Amino acid sequence: AEEYKEGHIEGSLNIPLDEIGEAMTWLVKDVPAVVVCASGSRSEVAVTLLKANGFEKIYNGGRWNSFGNIKVGACPIK
């Protein structure tokens, strides 16, 4: 929550990693989404969990830094 307060993508949702299981009950599986975090490691875990539960249009967007920029590796978004 503190990271989200420091900066986030406009219109984004803050779903802590330990709440992903509950969020899967109301997230829409066929809506594309990019997952980010401060370091990129929690977003990778979240993407893995979501994909294992049928979310196919989920992408790891890398890490979000305190300057409000996304640091992205290879991201298959078109």
PDB file of N, CA and C in Angstrom:
ATOM      1  N   ALA A   1       0.820  -1.193   0.000  1.00  0.00           N
ATOM      2  CA  ALA A   1       0.000   0.000   0.000  1.00  0.00           C
ATOM      3  C   ALA A   1       0.866   1.261   0.000  1.00  0.00           C
ATOM      4  N   GLU A   2       1.976   1.213   0.707  1.00  0.00           N
ATOM      5  CA  GLU A   2       2.875   2.370   0.750  1.00  0.00           C
ATOM      6  C   GLU A   2       3.479   2.632  -0.627  1.00  0.00           C
ATOM      7  N   GLU A   3       3.872   1.571  -1.315  1.00  0.00           N
ATOM      8  CA  GLU A   3       4.415   1.722  -2.673  1.00  0.00           C
ATOM      9  C   GLU A   3       3.388   2.367  -3.589  1.00  0.00           C
ATOM     10  N   TYR A   4       2.148   1.965  -3.456  1.00  0.00           N
ATOM     11  CA  TYR A   4       1.071   2.505  -4.291  1.00  0.00           C
ATOM     12  C   TYR A   4       0.906   3.999  -4.037  1.00  0.00           C
ATOM     13  N   LYS A   5       0.993   4.396  -2.770  1.00  0.00           N
ATOM     14  CA  LYS A   5       0.879   5.809  -2.419  1.00  0.00           C
ATOM     15  C   LYS A   5       2.019   6.631  -3.007  1.00  0.00           C
ATOM     16  N   GLU A   6       3.204   6.034  -3.082  1.00  0.00           N
ATOM     17  CA  GLU A   6       4.375   6.740  -3.593  1.00  0.00           C
ATOM     18  C   GLU A   6       4.299   6.968  -5.103  1.00  0.00           C
ATOM     19  N   GLY A   7       3.515   6.175  -5.786  1.00  0.00           N
ATOM     20  CA  GLY A   7       3.351   6.335  -7.228  1.00  0.00           C
ATOM     21  C   GLY A   7       2.770   5.089  -7.847  1.00  0.00           C
ATOM     22  N   HIS A   8       1.864   5.285  -8.788  1.00  0.00           N
ATOM     23  CA  HIS A   8       1.235   4.149  -9.461  1.00  0.00           C
ATOM     24  C   HIS A   8       0.705   4.594 -10.822  1.00  0.00           C
ATOM     25  N   ILE A   9       0.335   3.635 -11.624  1.00  0.00           N
ATOM     26  CA  ILE A   9      -0.255   3.910 -12.930  1.00  0.00           C
ATOM     27  C   ILE A   9      -1.679   4.402 -12.708  1.00  0.00           C
ATOM     28  N   GLU A  10      -2.004   5.524 -13.351  1.00  0.00           N
ATOM     29  CA  GLU A  10      -3.338   6.090 -13.198  1.00  0.00           C
ATOM     30  C   GLU A  10      -4.409   5.064 -13.565  1.00  0.00           C
ATOM     31  N   GLY A  11      -5.386   4.904 -12.703  1.00  0.00           N
ATOM     32  CA  GLY A  11      -6.476   3.966 -12.942  1.00  0.00           C
ATOM     33  C   GLY A  11      -6.167   2.533 -12.536  1.00  0.00           C
ATOM     34  N   SER A  12      -4.978   2.315 -11.973  1.00  0.00           N
ATOM     35  CA  SER A  12      -4.582   0.950 -11.606  1.00  0.00           C
ATOM     36  C   SER A  12      -5.208   0.525 -10.285  1.00  0.00           C
ATOM     37  N   LEU A  13      -5.189  -0.766 -10.051  1.00  0.00           N
ATOM     38  CA  LEU A  13      -5.650  -1.341  -8.792  1.00  0.00           C
ATOM     39  C   LEU A  13      -4.449  -1.770  -7.974  1.00  0.00           C
ATOM     40  N   ASN A  14      -4.530  -1.621  -6.673  1.00  0.00           N
ATOM     41  CA  ASN A  14      -3.484  -2.114  -5.776  1.00  0.00           C
ATOM     42  C   ASN A  14      -3.979  -3.418  -5.161  1.00  0.00           C
ATOM     43  N   ILE A  15      -3.397  -4.527  -5.601  1.00  0.00           N
ATOM     44  CA  ILE A  15      -3.759  -5.829  -5.042  1.00  0.00           C
ATOM     45  C   ILE A  15      -2.487  -6.448  -4.472  1.00  0.00           C
ATOM     46  N   PRO A  16      -2.334  -6.431  -3.145  1.00  0.00           N
ATOM     47  CA  PRO A  16      -1.149  -7.046  -2.540  1.00  0.00           C
ATOM     48  C   PRO A  16      -1.064  -8.530  -2.899  1.00  0.00           C
ATOM     49  N   LEU A  17       0.153  -9.029  -2.995  1.00  0.00           N
ATOM     50  CA  LEU A  17       0.372 -10.414  -3.407  1.00  0.00           C
ATOM     51  C   LEU A  17      -0.394 -11.399  -2.531  1.00  0.00           C
ATOM     52  N   ASP A  18      -0.473 -11.131  -1.235  1.00  0.00           N
ATOM     53  CA  ASP A  18      -1.182 -12.061  -0.348  1.00  0.00           C
ATOM     54  C   ASP A  18      -2.704 -11.991  -0.497  1.00  0.00           C
ATOM     55  N   GLU A  19      -3.198 -11.104  -1.351  1.00  0.00           N
ATOM     56  CA  GLU A  19      -4.639 -11.000  -1.602  1.00  0.00           C
ATOM     57  C   GLU A  19      -5.019 -11.429  -3.019  1.00  0.00           C
ATOM     58  N   ILE A  20      -4.047 -11.954  -3.770  1.00  0.00           N
ATOM     59  CA  ILE A  20      -4.315 -12.370  -5.156  1.00  0.00           C
ATOM     60  C   ILE A  20      -5.371 -13.468  -5.212  1.00  0.00           C
ATOM     61  N   GLY A  21      -5.296 -14.428  -4.293  1.00  0.00           N
ATOM     62  CA  GLY A  21      -6.275 -15.519  -4.284  1.00  0.00           C
ATOM     63  C   GLY A  21      -7.700 -15.008  -4.187  1.00  0.00           C
ATOM     64  N   GLU A  22      -7.939 -14.089  -3.291  1.00  0.00           N
ATOM     65  CA  GLU A  22      -9.278 -13.509  -3.138  1.00  0.00           C
ATOM     66  C   GLU A  22      -9.651 -12.682  -4.367  1.00  0.00           C
ATOM     67  N   ALA A  23      -8.687 -11.939  -4.900  1.00  0.00           N
ATOM     68  CA  ALA A  23      -8.958 -11.095  -6.074  1.00  0.00           C
ATOM     69  C   ALA A  23      -9.353 -11.931  -7.284  1.00  0.00           C
ATOM     70  N   MET A  24      -8.856 -13.157  -7.365  1.00  0.00           N
ATOM     71  CA  MET A  24      -9.198 -14.014  -8.502  1.00  0.00           C
ATOM     72  C   MET A  24     -10.685 -14.333  -8.551  1.00  0.00           C
ATOM     73  N   THR A  25     -11.406 -14.135  -7.447  1.00  0.00           N
ATOM     74  CA  THR A  25     -12.846 -14.397  -7.441  1.00  0.00           C
ATOM     75  C   THR A  25     -13.626 -13.290  -8.132  1.00  0.00           C
ATOM     76  N   TRP A  26     -13.038 -12.100  -8.258  1.00  0.00           N
ATOM     77  CA  TRP A  26     -13.752 -11.000  -8.901  1.00  0.00           C
ATOM     78  C   TRP A  26     -13.025 -10.383 -10.107  1.00  0.00           C
ATOM     79  N   LEU A  27     -11.756 -10.703 -10.314  1.00  0.00           N
ATOM     80  CA  LEU A  27     -11.066 -10.230 -11.518  1.00  0.00           C
ATOM     81  C   LEU A  27     -11.652 -10.929 -12.741  1.00  0.00           C
ATOM     82  N   VAL A  28     -11.702 -10.241 -13.861  1.00  0.00           N
ATOM     83  CA  VAL A  28     -12.249 -10.797 -15.094  1.00  0.00           C
ATOM     84  C   VAL A  28     -11.117 -11.462 -15.877  1.00  0.00           C
ATOM     85  N   LYS A  29     -11.259 -12.757 -16.146  1.00  0.00           N
ATOM     86  CA  LYS A  29     -10.172 -13.538 -16.736  1.00  0.00           C
ATOM     87  C   LYS A  29      -9.776 -13.126 -18.141  1.00  0.00           C
ATOM     88  N   ASP A  30     -10.692 -12.596 -18.927  1.00  0.00           N
ATOM     89  CA  ASP A  30     -10.346 -12.303 -20.318  1.00  0.00           C
ATOM     90  C   ASP A  30     -10.007 -10.829 -20.575  1.00  0.00           C
ATOM     91  N   VAL A  31      -9.813 -10.061 -19.512  1.00  0.00           N
ATOM     92  CA  VAL A  31      -9.418  -8.660 -19.658  1.00  0.00           C
ATOM     93  C   VAL A  31      -7.894  -8.561 -19.531  1.00  0.00           C
ATOM     94  N   PRO A  32      -7.231  -8.006 -20.539  1.00  0.00           N
ATOM     95  CA  PRO A  32      -5.767  -7.882 -20.466  1.00  0.00           C
ATOM     96  C   PRO A  32      -5.343  -7.006 -19.284  1.00  0.00           C
ATOM     97  N   ALA A  33      -4.264  -7.400 -18.622  1.00  0.00           N
ATOM     98  CA  ALA A  33      -3.748  -6.623 -17.491  1.00  0.00           C
ATOM     99  C   ALA A  33      -2.239  -6.748 -17.429  1.00  0.00           C
ATOM    100  N   VAL A  34      -1.602  -5.680 -16.988  1.00  0.00           N
ATOM    101  CA  VAL A  34      -0.159  -5.654 -16.777  1.00  0.00           C
ATOM    102  C   VAL A  34       0.069  -5.529 -15.281  1.00  0.00           C
ATOM    103  N   VAL A  35       0.891  -6.408 -14.739  1.00  0.00           N
ATOM    104  CA  VAL A  35       1.175  -6.434 -13.304  1.00  0.00           C
ATOM    105  C   VAL A  35       2.562  -5.840 -13.064  1.00  0.00           C
ATOM    106  N   VAL A  36       2.650  -4.899 -12.132  1.00  0.00           N
ATOM    107  CA  VAL A  36       3.933  -4.283 -11.793  1.00  0.00           C
ATOM    108  C   VAL A  36       4.089  -4.251 -10.276  1.00  0.00           C
ATOM    109  N   CYS A  37       5.330  -4.108  -9.827  1.00  0.00           N
ATOM    110  CA  CYS A  37       5.625  -3.889  -8.415  1.00  0.00           C
ATOM    111  C   CYS A  37       6.920  -3.093  -8.334  1.00  0.00           C
ATOM    112  N   ALA A  38       7.395  -2.851  -7.137  1.00  0.00           N
ATOM    113  CA  ALA A  38       8.592  -2.022  -6.974  1.00  0.00           C
ATOM    114  C   ALA A  38       9.845  -2.688  -7.543  1.00  0.00           C
ATOM    115  N   SER A  39       9.933  -4.000  -7.441  1.00  0.00           N
ATOM    116  CA  SER A  39      11.151  -4.685  -7.874  1.00  0.00           C
ATOM    117  C   SER A  39      10.962  -5.559  -9.106  1.00  0.00           C
ATOM    118  N   GLY A  40       9.733  -5.967  -9.389  1.00  0.00           N
ATOM    119  CA  GLY A  40       9.460  -6.875 -10.501  1.00  0.00           C
ATOM    120  C   GLY A  40       9.338  -8.323 -10.072  1.00  0.00           C
ATOM    121  N   SER A  41       9.767  -8.638  -8.858  1.00  0.00           N
ATOM    122  CA  SER A  41       9.721 -10.042  -8.419  1.00  0.00           C
ATOM    123  C   SER A  41       8.325 -10.453  -7.956  1.00  0.00           C
ATOM    124  N   ARG A  42       7.640  -9.613  -7.209  1.00  0.00           N
ATOM    125  CA  ARG A  42       6.282  -9.955  -6.779  1.00  0.00           C
ATOM    126  C   ARG A  42       5.331  -9.967  -7.964  1.00  0.00           C
ATOM    127  N   SER A  43       5.564  -9.084  -8.930  1.00  0.00           N
ATOM    128  CA  SER A  43       4.701  -9.089 -10.115  1.00  0.00           C
ATOM    129  C   SER A  43       4.885 -10.384 -10.899  1.00  0.00           C
ATOM    130  N   GLU A  44       6.102 -10.913 -10.917  1.00  0.00           N
ATOM    131  CA  GLU A  44       6.351 -12.190 -11.590  1.00  0.00           C
ATOM    132  C   GLU A  44       5.599 -13.325 -10.897  1.00  0.00           C
ATOM    133  N   VAL A  45       5.618 -13.339  -9.573  1.00  0.00           N
ATOM    134  CA  VAL A  45       4.886 -14.363  -8.810  1.00  0.00           C
ATOM    135  C   VAL A  45       3.386 -14.214  -9.055  1.00  0.00           C
ATOM    136  N   ALA A  46       2.889 -12.987  -9.035  1.00  0.00           N
ATOM    137  CA  ALA A  46       1.457 -12.752  -9.252  1.00  0.00           C
ATOM    138  C   ALA A  46       1.028 -13.222 -10.637  1.00  0.00           C
ATOM    139  N   VAL A  47       1.824 -12.920 -11.654  1.00  0.00           N
ATOM    140  CA  VAL A  47       1.505 -13.344 -13.020  1.00  0.00           C
ATOM    141  C   VAL A  47       1.475 -14.866 -13.101  1.00  0.00           C
ATOM    142  N   THR A  48       2.437 -15.526 -12.476  1.00  0.00           N
ATOM    143  CA  THR A  48       2.480 -16.986 -12.476  1.00  0.00           C
ATOM    144  C   THR A  48       1.223 -17.563 -11.831  1.00  0.00           C
ATOM    145  N   LEU A  49       0.821 -17.017 -10.689  1.00  0.00           N
ATOM    146  CA  LEU A  49      -0.387 -17.485 -10.001  1.00  0.00           C
ATOM    147  C   LEU A  49      -1.635 -17.250 -10.847  1.00  0.00           C
ATOM    148  N   LEU A  50      -1.741 -16.062 -11.409  1.00  0.00           N
ATOM    149  CA  LEU A  50      -2.914 -15.748 -12.224  1.00  0.00           C
ATOM    150  C   LEU A  50      -3.000 -16.643 -13.455  1.00  0.00           C
ATOM    151  N   LYS A  51      -1.893 -16.831 -14.147  1.00  0.00           N
ATOM    152  CA  LYS A  51      -1.900 -17.689 -15.336  1.00  0.00           C
ATOM    153  C   LYS A  51      -2.232 -19.137 -14.983  1.00  0.00           C
ATOM    154  N   ALA A  52      -1.752 -19.611 -13.843  1.00  0.00           N
ATOM    155  CA  ALA A  52      -2.049 -20.975 -13.399  1.00  0.00           C
ATOM    156  C   ALA A  52      -3.530 -21.154 -13.084  1.00  0.00           C
ATOM    157  N   ASN A  53      -4.234 -20.039 -12.903  1.00  0.00           N
ATOM    158  CA  ASN A  53      -5.660 -20.094 -12.587  1.00  0.00           C
ATOM    159  C   ASN A  53      -6.531 -19.591 -13.735  1.00  0.00           C
ATOM    160  N   GLY A  54      -6.012 -19.659 -14.960  1.00  0.00           N
ATOM    161  CA  GLY A  54      -6.823 -19.384 -16.132  1.00  0.00           C
ATOM    162  C   GLY A  54      -6.821 -17.964 -16.658  1.00  0.00           C
ATOM    163  N   PHE A  55      -6.029 -17.091 -16.076  1.00  0.00           N
ATOM    164  CA  PHE A  55      -5.916 -15.723 -16.586  1.00  0.00           C
ATOM    165  C   PHE A  55      -4.845 -15.739 -17.672  1.00  0.00           C
ATOM    166  N   GLU A  56      -5.263 -15.622 -18.930  1.00  0.00           N
ATOM    167  CA  GLU A  56      -4.331 -15.776 -20.042  1.00  0.00           C
ATOM    168  C   GLU A  56      -3.766 -14.458 -20.555  1.00  0.00           C
ATOM    169  N   LYS A  57      -4.431 -13.358 -20.314  1.00  0.00           N
ATOM    170  CA  LYS A  57      -4.006 -12.059 -20.842  1.00  0.00           C
ATOM    171  C   LYS A  57      -3.339 -11.214 -19.754  1.00  0.00           C
ATOM    172  N   ILE A  58      -2.508 -11.852 -18.963  1.00  0.00           N
ATOM    173  CA  ILE A  58      -1.809 -11.200 -17.854  1.00  0.00           C
ATOM    174  C   ILE A  58      -0.333 -11.105 -18.224  1.00  0.00           C
ATOM    175  N   TYR A  59       0.240  -9.932 -18.059  1.00  0.00           N
ATOM    176  CA  TYR A  59       1.630  -9.707 -18.442  1.00  0.00           C
ATOM    177  C   TYR A  59       2.409  -9.079 -17.291  1.00  0.00           C
ATOM    178  N   ASN A  60       3.658  -9.490 -17.157  1.00  0.00           N
ATOM    179  CA  ASN A  60       4.540  -8.897 -16.157  1.00  0.00           C
ATOM    180  C   ASN A  60       5.152  -7.643 -16.762  1.00  0.00           C
ATOM    181  N   GLY A  61       4.782  -6.496 -16.229  1.00  0.00           N
ATOM    182  CA  GLY A  61       5.270  -5.228 -16.740  1.00  0.00           C
ATOM    183  C   GLY A  61       6.586  -4.795 -16.133  1.00  0.00           C
ATOM    184  N   GLY A  62       7.160  -5.620 -15.272  1.00  0.00           N
ATOM    185  CA  GLY A  62       8.443  -5.251 -14.684  1.00  0.00           C
ATOM    186  C   GLY A  62       8.274  -4.493 -13.388  1.00  0.00           C
ATOM    187  N   ARG A  63       9.186  -3.558 -13.183  1.00  0.00           N
ATOM    188  CA  ARG A  63       9.120  -2.836 -11.920  1.00  0.00           C
ATOM    189  C   ARG A  63       8.716  -1.385 -12.128  1.00  0.00           C
ATOM    190  N   TRP A  64       8.069  -0.860 -11.136  1.00  0.00           N
ATOM    191  CA  TRP A  64       7.611   0.518 -11.102  1.00  0.00           C
ATOM    192  C   TRP A  64       8.529   1.244 -10.141  1.00  0.00           C
ATOM    193  N   ASN A  65       9.167   2.301 -10.569  1.00  0.00           N
ATOM    194  CA  ASN A  65      10.080   2.979  -9.643  1.00  0.00           C
ATOM    195  C   ASN A  65       9.462   4.227  -9.039  1.00  0.00           C
ATOM    196  N   SER A  66      10.167   4.819  -8.108  1.00  0.00           N
ATOM    197  CA  SER A  66       9.631   5.958  -7.367  1.00  0.00           C
ATOM    198  C   SER A  66       9.488   7.223  -8.214  1.00  0.00           C
ATOM    199  N   PHE A  67      10.040   7.227  -9.414  1.00  0.00           N
ATOM    200  CA  PHE A  67       9.891   8.390 -10.289  1.00  0.00           C
ATOM    201  C   PHE A  67       8.622   8.300 -11.121  1.00  0.00           C
ATOM    202  N   GLY A  68       7.855   7.223 -10.950  1.00  0.00           N
ATOM    203  CA  GLY A  68       6.609   7.076 -11.693  1.00  0.00           C
ATOM    204  C   GLY A  68       6.802   6.540 -13.097  1.00  0.00           C
ATOM    205  N   ASN A  69       7.872   5.800 -13.311  1.00  0.00           N
ATOM    206  CA  ASN A  69       8.135   5.213 -14.620  1.00  0.00           C
ATOM    207  C   ASN A  69       8.132   3.701 -14.526  1.00  0.00           C
ATOM    208  N   ILE A  70       7.721   3.064 -15.589  1.00  0.00           N
ATOM    209  CA  ILE A  70       7.764   1.615 -15.633  1.00  0.00           C
ATOM    210  C   ILE A  70       9.095   1.201 -16.228  1.00  0.00           C
ATOM    211  N   LYS A  71       9.751   0.273 -15.576  1.00  0.00           N
ATOM    212  CA  LYS A  71      10.971  -0.325 -16.123  1.00  0.00           C
ATOM    213  C   LYS A  71      10.544  -1.651 -16.721  1.00  0.00           C
ATOM    214  N   VAL A  72      10.598  -1.783 -18.021  1.00  0.00           N
ATOM    215  CA  VAL A  72      10.049  -2.949 -18.689  1.00  0.00           C
ATOM    216  C   VAL A  72      11.130  -3.717 -19.428  1.00  0.00           C
ATOM    217  N   GLY A  73      11.048  -5.039 -19.301  1.00  0.00           N
ATOM    218  CA  GLY A  73      11.869  -5.916 -20.124  1.00  0.00           C
ATOM    219  C   GLY A  73      11.056  -6.219 -21.372  1.00  0.00           C
ATOM    220  N   ALA A  74      11.066  -7.437 -21.794  1.00  0.00           N
ATOM    221  CA  ALA A  74      10.247  -7.845 -22.938  1.00  0.00           C
ATOM    222  C   ALA A  74       8.815  -8.019 -22.476  1.00  0.00           C
ATOM    223  N   CYS A  75       7.899  -7.318 -23.078  1.00  0.00           N
ATOM    224  CA  CYS A  75       6.492  -7.390 -22.683  1.00  0.00           C
ATOM    225  C   CYS A  75       5.647  -7.582 -23.942  1.00  0.00           C
ATOM    226  N   PRO A  76       4.939  -8.707 -24.035  1.00  0.00           N
ATOM    227  CA  PRO A  76       4.209  -9.028 -25.266  1.00  0.00           C
ATOM    228  C   PRO A  76       2.889  -8.296 -25.434  1.00  0.00           C
ATOM    229  N   ILE A  77       2.880  -6.990 -25.244  1.00  0.00           N
ATOM    230  CA  ILE A  77       1.644  -6.223 -25.400  1.00  0.00           C
ATOM    231  C   ILE A  77       1.671  -5.519 -26.746  1.00  0.00           C
ATOM    232  N   LYS A  78       0.576  -5.618 -27.468  1.00  0.00           N
ATOM    233  CA  LYS A  78       0.487  -4.967 -28.785  1.00  0.00           C
ATOM    234  C   LYS A  78      -0.664  -3.999 -28.808  1.00  0.00           C
TER     235      LYS A  78
END
